[in-house]
Amino acid sequence: MERAECNRNCWISAAIAGTVVLLFVSGLGELNWLGGLFLGFVTFMLFGSLMVWLVCHDMPLPVPPLEATPPEDWRRRQADSQPEALLVSASLPETPAPVQMPLRAGDAVDDLRRIKGIGPKISDWLNANGVTRYDQIASWDAVAVADFVQRMGRMGSRIEADDWVGQAKVLAAGGETEHSRRVDKGEPG
């Protein structure tokens, strides 16, 4: 049975049920014709919706039988069936992101926790990703900042909010910030 025909039959059945409720209720006790009409309409809506939901819902289509397909045809069919939005562009970024060199023995390591917003965990993460000195952070441009913001996730917003690049420039030049003085004194950040 077609879905439209099924829906029509369910609503016809609901109309009959609502009419029966109207006829029985309108003559009972204190309920008058208007009360019966209201209950008949409620019955019509509830019964019709329930019948459409139970009887006329879409049934899943059976799975087509498997057929032997050569791998080349399978790959072509898969590529043809993919939406364009899921295809990934193979173009490279216009300017490559700066590559941080890994830490080597003998390299100077700055205490990155002297920068406000960098605690022990972020400092360890930066060190593991090759950022060990103030001058590295001081040289970050907008592309590098955006790259680290994306790589760090929710904590990446601290880079711009706490002005890591500005603080790193001061510290790389041998200066101090209020935060670095507190860290040097052993006070909590």
N, C-alpha and C. Protein backbone atom coordinates (compact mmCIF):
# COMPACT_ATOMS: atom_id res chain seq x y z
N MET A 1 0.85 -1.16 0.00
CA MET A 1 0.00 0.00 0.00
C MET A 1 0.91 1.23 0.00
N GLU A 2 0.60 2.22 -0.81
CA GLU A 2 1.35 3.47 -0.90
C GLU A 2 1.24 4.22 0.42
N ARG A 3 2.26 5.00 0.73
CA ARG A 3 2.27 5.75 1.99
C ARG A 3 1.09 6.74 2.05
N ALA A 4 0.82 7.44 0.96
CA ALA A 4 -0.27 8.42 0.96
C ALA A 4 -1.61 7.72 1.21
N GLU A 5 -1.81 6.56 0.59
CA GLU A 5 -3.06 5.82 0.78
C GLU A 5 -3.16 5.32 2.21
N CYS A 6 -2.04 4.87 2.77
CA CYS A 6 -2.02 4.39 4.15
C CYS A 6 -2.38 5.53 5.11
N ASN A 7 -1.76 6.70 4.89
CA ASN A 7 -2.07 7.86 5.74
C ASN A 7 -3.55 8.22 5.66
N ARG A 8 -4.08 8.25 4.44
CA ARG A 8 -5.49 8.59 4.25
C ARG A 8 -6.39 7.61 5.01
N ASN A 9 -6.11 6.31 4.89
CA ASN A 9 -6.93 5.30 5.58
C ASN A 9 -6.83 5.44 7.10
N CYS A 10 -5.65 5.76 7.62
CA CYS A 10 -5.49 5.94 9.06
C CYS A 10 -6.31 7.14 9.54
N TRP A 11 -6.28 8.25 8.80
CA TRP A 11 -7.02 9.44 9.22
C TRP A 11 -8.53 9.23 9.06
N ILE A 12 -8.95 8.44 8.09
CA ILE A 12 -10.38 8.11 7.97
C ILE A 12 -10.82 7.30 9.17
N SER A 13 -10.00 6.33 9.57
CA SER A 13 -10.32 5.53 10.76
C SER A 13 -10.38 6.41 12.00
N ALA A 14 -9.46 7.37 12.11
CA ALA A 14 -9.46 8.28 13.25
C ALA A 14 -10.70 9.16 13.25
N ALA A 15 -11.15 9.59 12.07
CA ALA A 15 -12.36 10.40 11.98
C ALA A 15 -13.58 9.60 12.43
N ILE A 16 -13.62 8.35 12.06
CA ILE A 16 -14.74 7.48 12.50
C ILE A 16 -14.71 7.33 14.01
N ALA A 17 -13.51 7.08 14.57
CA ALA A 17 -13.40 6.93 16.03
C ALA A 17 -13.79 8.22 16.74
N GLY A 18 -13.37 9.38 16.20
CA GLY A 18 -13.74 10.66 16.81
C GLY A 18 -15.24 10.90 16.76
N THR A 19 -15.88 10.51 15.66
CA THR A 19 -17.33 10.68 15.53
C THR A 19 -18.06 9.79 16.54
N VAL A 20 -17.58 8.55 16.72
CA VAL A 20 -18.19 7.65 17.69
C VAL A 20 -18.08 8.24 19.10
N VAL A 21 -16.91 8.79 19.43
CA VAL A 21 -16.74 9.41 20.75
C VAL A 21 -17.67 10.60 20.89
N LEU A 22 -17.80 11.42 19.85
CA LEU A 22 -18.71 12.57 19.87
C LEU A 22 -20.14 12.12 20.15
N LEU A 23 -20.59 11.07 19.46
CA LEU A 23 -21.97 10.62 19.63
C LEU A 23 -22.22 10.05 21.01
N PHE A 24 -21.27 9.28 21.55
CA PHE A 24 -21.48 8.68 22.86
C PHE A 24 -21.36 9.70 23.99
N VAL A 25 -20.41 10.62 23.88
CA VAL A 25 -20.13 11.53 24.99
C VAL A 25 -21.10 12.70 25.03
N SER A 26 -21.59 13.18 23.88
CA SER A 26 -22.43 14.38 23.88
C SER A 26 -23.77 14.17 24.59
N GLY A 27 -24.20 12.95 24.75
CA GLY A 27 -25.47 12.70 25.44
C GLY A 27 -25.29 12.29 26.88
N LEU A 28 -24.06 12.19 27.37
CA LEU A 28 -23.84 11.72 28.74
C LEU A 28 -23.80 12.87 29.73
N GLY A 29 -24.45 12.72 30.84
CA GLY A 29 -24.38 13.59 32.00
C GLY A 29 -24.28 15.06 31.70
N GLU A 30 -23.34 15.71 32.34
CA GLU A 30 -23.21 17.15 32.24
C GLU A 30 -22.49 17.58 30.96
N LEU A 31 -21.89 16.65 30.26
CA LEU A 31 -21.20 17.01 29.03
C LEU A 31 -22.23 17.30 27.95
N ASN A 32 -22.11 18.41 27.32
CA ASN A 32 -23.04 18.76 26.25
C ASN A 32 -22.39 18.46 24.90
N TRP A 33 -23.01 18.94 23.85
CA TRP A 33 -22.55 18.69 22.49
C TRP A 33 -21.16 19.28 22.25
N LEU A 34 -20.86 20.46 22.81
CA LEU A 34 -19.56 21.09 22.64
C LEU A 34 -18.45 20.28 23.33
N GLY A 35 -18.75 19.73 24.53
CA GLY A 35 -17.78 18.87 25.21
C GLY A 35 -17.52 17.60 24.43
N GLY A 36 -18.57 17.03 23.85
CA GLY A 36 -18.41 15.84 23.02
C GLY A 36 -17.59 16.13 21.77
N LEU A 37 -17.82 17.31 21.18
CA LEU A 37 -17.05 17.71 20.01
C LEU A 37 -15.57 17.83 20.35
N PHE A 38 -15.26 18.42 21.50
CA PHE A 38 -13.87 18.56 21.93
C PHE A 38 -13.22 17.19 22.11
N LEU A 39 -13.88 16.29 22.84
CA LEU A 39 -13.32 14.95 23.07
C LEU A 39 -13.21 14.16 21.76
N GLY A 40 -14.18 14.35 20.86
CA GLY A 40 -14.10 13.68 19.56
C GLY A 40 -12.91 14.18 18.75
N PHE A 41 -12.64 15.49 18.80
CA PHE A 41 -11.50 16.05 18.08
C PHE A 41 -10.19 15.55 18.68
N VAL A 42 -10.10 15.50 20.01
CA VAL A 42 -8.88 14.98 20.66
C VAL A 42 -8.68 13.52 20.27
N THR A 43 -9.75 12.75 20.27
CA THR A 43 -9.65 11.35 19.85
C THR A 43 -9.18 11.23 18.42
N PHE A 44 -9.75 12.05 17.53
CA PHE A 44 -9.35 12.05 16.12
C PHE A 44 -7.85 12.31 15.98
N MET A 45 -7.33 13.35 16.64
CA MET A 45 -5.93 13.72 16.50
C MET A 45 -5.00 12.65 17.09
N LEU A 46 -5.30 12.18 18.28
CA LEU A 46 -4.44 11.19 18.93
C LEU A 46 -4.47 9.85 18.20
N PHE A 47 -5.67 9.39 17.89
CA PHE A 47 -5.81 8.09 17.23
C PHE A 47 -5.21 8.13 15.82
N GLY A 48 -5.44 9.23 15.09
CA GLY A 48 -4.87 9.36 13.74
C GLY A 48 -3.36 9.38 13.76
N SER A 49 -2.79 10.17 14.67
CA SER A 49 -1.33 10.24 14.76
C SER A 49 -0.74 8.90 15.15
N LEU A 50 -1.36 8.23 16.11
CA LEU A 50 -0.87 6.92 16.55
C LEU A 50 -0.95 5.90 15.42
N MET A 51 -2.05 5.89 14.69
CA MET A 51 -2.21 4.93 13.59
C MET A 51 -1.17 5.18 12.48
N VAL A 52 -0.96 6.45 12.12
CA VAL A 52 0.04 6.77 11.08
C VAL A 52 1.41 6.33 11.55
N TRP A 53 1.72 6.59 12.80
CA TRP A 53 3.03 6.23 13.34
C TRP A 53 3.21 4.72 13.39
N LEU A 54 2.17 3.99 13.81
CA LEU A 54 2.30 2.54 13.94
C LEU A 54 2.21 1.80 12.60
N VAL A 55 1.32 2.25 11.72
CA VAL A 55 1.03 1.48 10.51
C VAL A 55 1.79 1.98 9.30
N CYS A 56 1.95 3.29 9.17
CA CYS A 56 2.46 3.85 7.92
C CYS A 56 3.91 4.30 7.98
N HIS A 57 4.64 3.96 9.00
CA HIS A 57 6.02 4.43 9.06
C HIS A 57 6.85 3.75 7.97
N ASP A 58 7.95 4.38 7.62
CA ASP A 58 8.81 3.84 6.55
C ASP A 58 9.52 2.59 7.03
N MET A 59 9.44 1.58 6.23
CA MET A 59 10.14 0.33 6.52
C MET A 59 11.52 0.41 5.87
N PRO A 60 12.56 -0.10 6.53
CA PRO A 60 13.88 -0.07 5.90
C PRO A 60 13.90 -0.93 4.65
N LEU A 61 14.64 -0.46 3.67
CA LEU A 61 14.75 -1.22 2.44
C LEU A 61 15.64 -2.44 2.65
N PRO A 62 15.32 -3.55 2.03
CA PRO A 62 16.19 -4.72 2.19
C PRO A 62 17.55 -4.44 1.56
N VAL A 63 18.56 -5.07 2.11
CA VAL A 63 19.93 -4.90 1.61
C VAL A 63 20.03 -5.65 0.29
N PRO A 64 20.54 -4.99 -0.75
CA PRO A 64 20.68 -5.69 -2.03
C PRO A 64 21.74 -6.80 -1.91
N PRO A 65 21.58 -7.83 -2.68
CA PRO A 65 22.55 -8.92 -2.60
C PRO A 65 23.93 -8.44 -3.05
N LEU A 66 24.95 -9.03 -2.45
CA LEU A 66 26.32 -8.67 -2.81
C LEU A 66 26.66 -9.24 -4.17
N GLU A 67 27.43 -8.47 -4.90
CA GLU A 67 27.85 -8.94 -6.21
C GLU A 67 29.37 -8.83 -6.27
N ALA A 68 29.95 -9.69 -7.04
CA ALA A 68 31.41 -9.66 -7.19
C ALA A 68 31.77 -8.46 -8.06
N THR A 69 32.54 -7.52 -7.46
CA THR A 69 32.93 -6.32 -8.17
C THR A 69 34.45 -6.22 -8.16
N PRO A 70 35.05 -6.01 -9.31
CA PRO A 70 36.51 -5.84 -9.33
C PRO A 70 36.91 -4.63 -8.49
N PRO A 71 38.10 -4.66 -7.86
CA PRO A 71 38.52 -3.55 -7.00
C PRO A 71 38.53 -2.19 -7.70
N GLU A 72 38.87 -2.17 -8.99
CA GLU A 72 38.91 -0.89 -9.69
C GLU A 72 37.50 -0.27 -9.76
N ASP A 73 36.49 -1.12 -10.07
CA ASP A 73 35.13 -0.63 -10.15
C ASP A 73 34.63 -0.18 -8.78
N TRP A 74 35.02 -0.91 -7.74
CA TRP A 74 34.59 -0.57 -6.39
C TRP A 74 35.14 0.80 -6.00
N ARG A 75 36.42 1.02 -6.25
CA ARG A 75 37.04 2.31 -5.91
C ARG A 75 36.38 3.46 -6.70
N ARG A 76 36.09 3.22 -7.98
CA ARG A 76 35.44 4.24 -8.79
C ARG A 76 34.05 4.54 -8.24
N ARG A 77 33.29 3.50 -7.89
CA ARG A 77 31.94 3.71 -7.35
C ARG A 77 32.01 4.47 -6.03
N GLN A 78 32.96 4.12 -5.19
CA GLN A 78 33.11 4.82 -3.91
C GLN A 78 33.44 6.29 -4.13
N ALA A 79 34.34 6.57 -5.04
CA ALA A 79 34.72 7.96 -5.32
C ALA A 79 33.55 8.73 -5.91
N ASP A 80 32.77 8.08 -6.77
CA ASP A 80 31.61 8.74 -7.39
C ASP A 80 30.50 9.00 -6.39
N SER A 81 30.39 8.17 -5.36
CA SER A 81 29.30 8.31 -4.40
C SER A 81 29.63 9.27 -3.27
N GLN A 82 30.86 9.74 -3.17
CA GLN A 82 31.25 10.65 -2.09
C GLN A 82 30.76 12.06 -2.38
N PRO A 83 30.16 12.72 -1.40
CA PRO A 83 29.77 14.11 -1.60
C PRO A 83 31.02 14.98 -1.77
N GLU A 84 30.87 16.03 -2.53
CA GLU A 84 32.00 16.93 -2.79
C GLU A 84 32.53 17.54 -1.50
N ALA A 85 31.65 17.74 -0.50
CA ALA A 85 32.07 18.39 0.74
C ALA A 85 33.07 17.53 1.51
N LEU A 86 33.06 16.22 1.29
CA LEU A 86 33.97 15.36 2.02
C LEU A 86 35.32 15.21 1.35
N LEU A 87 35.45 15.66 0.13
CA LEU A 87 36.72 15.55 -0.55
C LEU A 87 37.68 16.57 0.02
N VAL A 88 38.92 16.16 0.22
CA VAL A 88 39.92 17.02 0.83
C VAL A 88 40.80 17.60 -0.26
N SER A 89 41.04 18.89 -0.15
CA SER A 89 41.90 19.55 -1.12
C SER A 89 43.34 19.13 -0.88
N ALA A 90 44.08 18.95 -1.96
CA ALA A 90 45.46 18.53 -1.84
C ALA A 90 46.42 19.70 -1.94
N SER A 91 45.90 20.92 -1.89
CA SER A 91 46.78 22.07 -2.01
C SER A 91 47.52 22.32 -0.70
N LEU A 92 48.72 22.83 -0.81
CA LEU A 92 49.53 23.15 0.35
C LEU A 92 49.26 24.59 0.76
N PRO A 93 49.47 24.92 2.04
CA PRO A 93 49.27 26.30 2.44
C PRO A 93 50.26 27.21 1.73
N GLU A 94 49.85 28.47 1.55
CA GLU A 94 50.69 29.42 0.82
C GLU A 94 52.02 29.64 1.52
N THR A 95 51.98 29.81 2.84
CA THR A 95 53.22 29.98 3.59
C THR A 95 53.33 28.83 4.57
N PRO A 96 54.40 28.08 4.52
CA PRO A 96 54.52 26.95 5.44
C PRO A 96 54.63 27.42 6.88
N ALA A 97 54.06 26.64 7.77
CA ALA A 97 54.14 26.96 9.19
C ALA A 97 55.58 26.78 9.65
N PRO A 98 56.03 27.62 10.58
CA PRO A 98 57.41 27.48 11.04
C PRO A 98 57.60 26.14 11.74
N VAL A 99 58.73 25.55 11.48
CA VAL A 99 59.06 24.26 12.08
C VAL A 99 59.94 24.52 13.28
N GLN A 100 59.54 23.98 14.43
CA GLN A 100 60.33 24.15 15.63
C GLN A 100 61.34 23.01 15.69
N MET A 101 62.58 23.37 15.92
CA MET A 101 63.64 22.37 15.97
C MET A 101 63.57 21.65 17.31
N PRO A 102 63.81 20.34 17.31
CA PRO A 102 63.78 19.60 18.57
C PRO A 102 64.96 20.02 19.45
N LEU A 103 64.81 19.80 20.73
CA LEU A 103 65.82 20.15 21.71
C LEU A 103 67.04 19.25 21.55
N ARG A 104 68.21 19.87 21.49
CA ARG A 104 69.45 19.11 21.40
C ARG A 104 70.23 19.31 22.68
N ALA A 105 71.11 18.37 22.97
CA ALA A 105 71.96 18.50 24.14
C ALA A 105 72.84 19.74 23.96
N GLY A 106 72.95 20.55 24.98
CA GLY A 106 73.77 21.75 24.92
C GLY A 106 72.99 23.00 24.56
N ASP A 107 71.75 22.88 24.06
CA ASP A 107 70.93 24.05 23.76
C ASP A 107 70.47 24.69 25.07
N ALA A 108 70.39 26.00 25.08
CA ALA A 108 69.88 26.71 26.25
C ALA A 108 68.38 26.51 26.33
N VAL A 109 67.90 26.31 27.54
CA VAL A 109 66.47 26.12 27.78
C VAL A 109 66.02 27.21 28.73
N ASP A 110 65.03 28.01 28.31
CA ASP A 110 64.49 29.05 29.17
C ASP A 110 63.33 28.48 29.98
N ASP A 111 63.09 29.11 31.13
CA ASP A 111 61.95 28.71 31.96
C ASP A 111 60.70 29.40 31.39
N LEU A 112 59.98 28.69 30.56
CA LEU A 112 58.81 29.27 29.88
C LEU A 112 57.70 29.61 30.85
N ARG A 113 57.75 29.08 32.07
CA ARG A 113 56.72 29.40 33.06
C ARG A 113 56.80 30.85 33.51
N ARG A 114 57.88 31.55 33.18
CA ARG A 114 58.00 32.97 33.50
C ARG A 114 57.08 33.82 32.61
N ILE A 115 56.51 33.21 31.57
CA ILE A 115 55.52 33.89 30.73
C ILE A 115 54.15 33.63 31.33
N LYS A 116 53.42 34.72 31.58
CA LYS A 116 52.08 34.58 32.17
C LYS A 116 51.20 33.76 31.24
N GLY A 117 50.53 32.76 31.80
CA GLY A 117 49.65 31.90 31.01
C GLY A 117 50.27 30.55 30.70
N ILE A 118 51.59 30.41 30.97
CA ILE A 118 52.26 29.13 30.75
C ILE A 118 52.56 28.52 32.11
N GLY A 119 51.89 27.43 32.39
CA GLY A 119 52.12 26.69 33.62
C GLY A 119 53.00 25.49 33.32
N PRO A 120 53.16 24.60 34.31
CA PRO A 120 54.04 23.44 34.12
C PRO A 120 53.60 22.52 32.98
N LYS A 121 52.31 22.27 32.86
CA LYS A 121 51.85 21.35 31.81
C LYS A 121 52.04 21.94 30.42
N ILE A 122 51.70 23.22 30.26
CA ILE A 122 51.88 23.86 28.95
C ILE A 122 53.36 23.98 28.63
N SER A 123 54.17 24.28 29.64
CA SER A 123 55.61 24.36 29.44
C SER A 123 56.16 23.02 28.95
N ASP A 124 55.74 21.93 29.59
CA ASP A 124 56.18 20.60 29.16
C ASP A 124 55.71 20.31 27.73
N TRP A 125 54.47 20.70 27.41
CA TRP A 125 53.95 20.46 26.06
C TRP A 125 54.75 21.25 25.03
N LEU A 126 55.04 22.52 25.34
CA LEU A 126 55.82 23.33 24.41
C LEU A 126 57.22 22.75 24.22
N ASN A 127 57.85 22.33 25.33
CA ASN A 127 59.18 21.72 25.22
C ASN A 127 59.15 20.47 24.36
N ALA A 128 58.11 19.65 24.52
CA ALA A 128 57.98 18.43 23.73
C ALA A 128 57.78 18.75 22.25
N ASN A 129 57.26 19.95 21.96
CA ASN A 129 57.03 20.36 20.58
C ASN A 129 58.14 21.28 20.07
N GLY A 130 59.28 21.29 20.75
CA GLY A 130 60.46 22.01 20.27
C GLY A 130 60.56 23.46 20.66
N VAL A 131 59.62 23.97 21.46
CA VAL A 131 59.69 25.37 21.89
C VAL A 131 60.30 25.39 23.28
N THR A 132 61.55 25.90 23.36
CA THR A 132 62.27 25.87 24.63
C THR A 132 62.83 27.23 25.03
N ARG A 133 62.76 28.21 24.14
CA ARG A 133 63.40 29.50 24.42
C ARG A 133 62.42 30.65 24.16
N TYR A 134 62.68 31.75 24.86
CA TYR A 134 61.84 32.94 24.69
C TYR A 134 61.91 33.47 23.27
N ASP A 135 63.11 33.46 22.68
CA ASP A 135 63.25 34.03 21.34
C ASP A 135 62.45 33.27 20.30
N GLN A 136 62.18 31.98 20.54
CA GLN A 136 61.33 31.22 19.61
C GLN A 136 59.91 31.76 19.65
N ILE A 137 59.39 31.97 20.85
CA ILE A 137 58.02 32.49 20.98
C ILE A 137 57.98 33.94 20.50
N ALA A 138 59.03 34.72 20.78
CA ALA A 138 59.07 36.12 20.37
C ALA A 138 59.03 36.25 18.85
N SER A 139 59.50 35.23 18.13
CA SER A 139 59.53 35.31 16.66
C SER A 139 58.25 34.81 16.00
N TRP A 140 57.28 34.37 16.78
CA TRP A 140 56.03 33.88 16.21
C TRP A 140 55.31 35.02 15.49
N ASP A 141 54.85 34.73 14.28
CA ASP A 141 53.99 35.67 13.56
C ASP A 141 52.54 35.19 13.69
N ALA A 142 51.62 35.83 13.01
CA ALA A 142 50.20 35.48 13.12
C ALA A 142 49.93 34.05 12.69
N VAL A 143 50.67 33.57 11.68
CA VAL A 143 50.48 32.20 11.20
C VAL A 143 50.92 31.20 12.26
N ALA A 144 52.07 31.46 12.88
CA ALA A 144 52.58 30.55 13.91
C ALA A 144 51.66 30.55 15.13
N VAL A 145 51.18 31.74 15.51
CA VAL A 145 50.26 31.82 16.66
C VAL A 145 49.00 31.02 16.35
N ALA A 146 48.44 31.19 15.16
CA ALA A 146 47.23 30.46 14.79
C ALA A 146 47.48 28.96 14.78
N ASP A 147 48.66 28.55 14.33
CA ASP A 147 49.01 27.13 14.31
C ASP A 147 49.05 26.57 15.74
N PHE A 148 49.70 27.29 16.65
CA PHE A 148 49.78 26.80 18.03
C PHE A 148 48.43 26.89 18.74
N VAL A 149 47.63 27.88 18.44
CA VAL A 149 46.29 27.96 19.01
C VAL A 149 45.49 26.72 18.62
N GLN A 150 45.58 26.35 17.34
CA GLN A 150 44.84 25.17 16.86
C GLN A 150 45.40 23.90 17.47
N ARG A 151 46.69 23.78 17.57
CA ARG A 151 47.31 22.55 18.09
C ARG A 151 47.08 22.38 19.57
N MET A 152 46.99 23.48 20.31
CA MET A 152 46.82 23.39 21.77
C MET A 152 45.37 23.19 22.18
N GLY A 153 44.44 23.44 21.28
CA GLY A 153 43.03 23.26 21.63
C GLY A 153 42.53 24.40 22.48
N ARG A 154 41.73 24.08 23.50
CA ARG A 154 41.09 25.12 24.29
C ARG A 154 42.08 25.99 25.05
N MET A 155 43.25 25.47 25.38
CA MET A 155 44.26 26.26 26.08
C MET A 155 44.99 27.22 25.15
N GLY A 156 44.84 27.05 23.85
CA GLY A 156 45.52 27.90 22.88
C GLY A 156 45.08 29.35 22.93
N SER A 157 43.90 29.60 23.47
CA SER A 157 43.42 30.98 23.55
C SER A 157 44.27 31.82 24.48
N ARG A 158 45.03 31.17 25.35
CA ARG A 158 45.90 31.89 26.29
C ARG A 158 47.02 32.61 25.56
N ILE A 159 47.42 32.13 24.38
CA ILE A 159 48.54 32.74 23.66
C ILE A 159 48.28 34.21 23.40
N GLU A 160 47.13 34.51 22.84
CA GLU A 160 46.81 35.90 22.53
C GLU A 160 46.27 36.64 23.74
N ALA A 161 45.48 35.96 24.58
CA ALA A 161 44.89 36.62 25.75
C ALA A 161 45.97 37.12 26.71
N ASP A 162 47.03 36.35 26.90
CA ASP A 162 48.10 36.73 27.82
C ASP A 162 49.29 37.36 27.11
N ASP A 163 49.21 37.55 25.79
CA ASP A 163 50.27 38.17 24.99
C ASP A 163 51.61 37.48 25.21
N TRP A 164 51.66 36.17 24.90
CA TRP A 164 52.90 35.42 25.06
C TRP A 164 54.02 36.01 24.22
N VAL A 165 53.71 36.44 23.00
CA VAL A 165 54.74 36.94 22.10
C VAL A 165 55.36 38.22 22.67
N GLY A 166 54.52 39.13 23.17
CA GLY A 166 55.03 40.36 23.77
C GLY A 166 55.87 40.10 25.00
N GLN A 167 55.40 39.20 25.86
CA GLN A 167 56.17 38.86 27.06
C GLN A 167 57.49 38.20 26.68
N ALA A 168 57.44 37.31 25.69
CA ALA A 168 58.66 36.61 25.28
C ALA A 168 59.68 37.58 24.70
N LYS A 169 59.24 38.63 24.00
CA LYS A 169 60.17 39.63 23.46
C LYS A 169 60.91 40.34 24.59
N VAL A 170 60.14 40.69 25.65
CA VAL A 170 60.76 41.36 26.80
C VAL A 170 61.76 40.44 27.48
N LEU A 171 61.37 39.19 27.71
CA LEU A 171 62.24 38.24 28.40
C LEU A 171 63.45 37.85 27.55
N ALA A 172 63.27 37.72 26.24
CA ALA A 172 64.39 37.37 25.36
C ALA A 172 65.43 38.48 25.32
N ALA A 173 64.99 39.73 25.51
CA ALA A 173 65.91 40.87 25.52
C ALA A 173 66.57 41.04 26.88
N GLY A 174 66.28 40.17 27.85
CA GLY A 174 66.89 40.24 29.17
C GLY A 174 66.07 41.03 30.17
N GLY A 175 64.90 41.49 29.77
CA GLY A 175 64.05 42.25 30.68
C GLY A 175 63.23 41.35 31.58
N GLU A 176 62.37 41.98 32.38
CA GLU A 176 61.50 41.25 33.28
C GLU A 176 60.07 41.76 33.13
N THR A 177 59.15 40.91 33.49
CA THR A 177 57.75 41.32 33.56
C THR A 177 57.31 41.14 35.01
N GLU A 178 56.16 41.69 35.33
CA GLU A 178 55.65 41.53 36.70
C GLU A 178 55.49 40.05 37.03
N HIS A 179 54.99 39.30 36.08
CA HIS A 179 54.78 37.86 36.30
C HIS A 179 56.11 37.13 36.47
N SER A 180 57.10 37.47 35.65
CA SER A 180 58.40 36.78 35.76
C SER A 180 59.07 37.08 37.09
N ARG A 181 58.89 38.30 37.64
CA ARG A 181 59.45 38.63 38.95
C ARG A 181 58.80 37.78 40.04
N ARG A 182 57.47 37.59 39.93
CA ARG A 182 56.77 36.74 40.93
C ARG A 182 57.24 35.30 40.83
N VAL A 183 57.42 34.79 39.61
CA VAL A 183 57.90 33.40 39.43
C VAL A 183 59.32 33.27 39.99
N ASP A 184 60.17 34.27 39.74
CA ASP A 184 61.54 34.23 40.24
C ASP A 184 61.58 34.22 41.78
N LYS A 185 60.61 34.89 42.42
CA LYS A 185 60.55 34.92 43.87
C LYS A 185 59.90 33.65 44.43
N GLY A 186 59.36 32.81 43.58
CA GLY A 186 58.71 31.57 44.02
C GLY A 186 57.25 31.76 44.39
N GLU A 187 56.69 32.93 44.07
CA GLU A 187 55.29 33.18 44.37
C GLU A 187 54.42 32.44 43.36
N PRO A 188 53.20 32.05 43.76
CA PRO A 188 52.30 31.40 42.78
C PRO A 188 51.91 32.38 41.70
N GLY A 189 51.76 31.86 40.48
CA GLY A 189 51.42 32.69 39.31
C GLY A 189 50.03 33.12 39.34
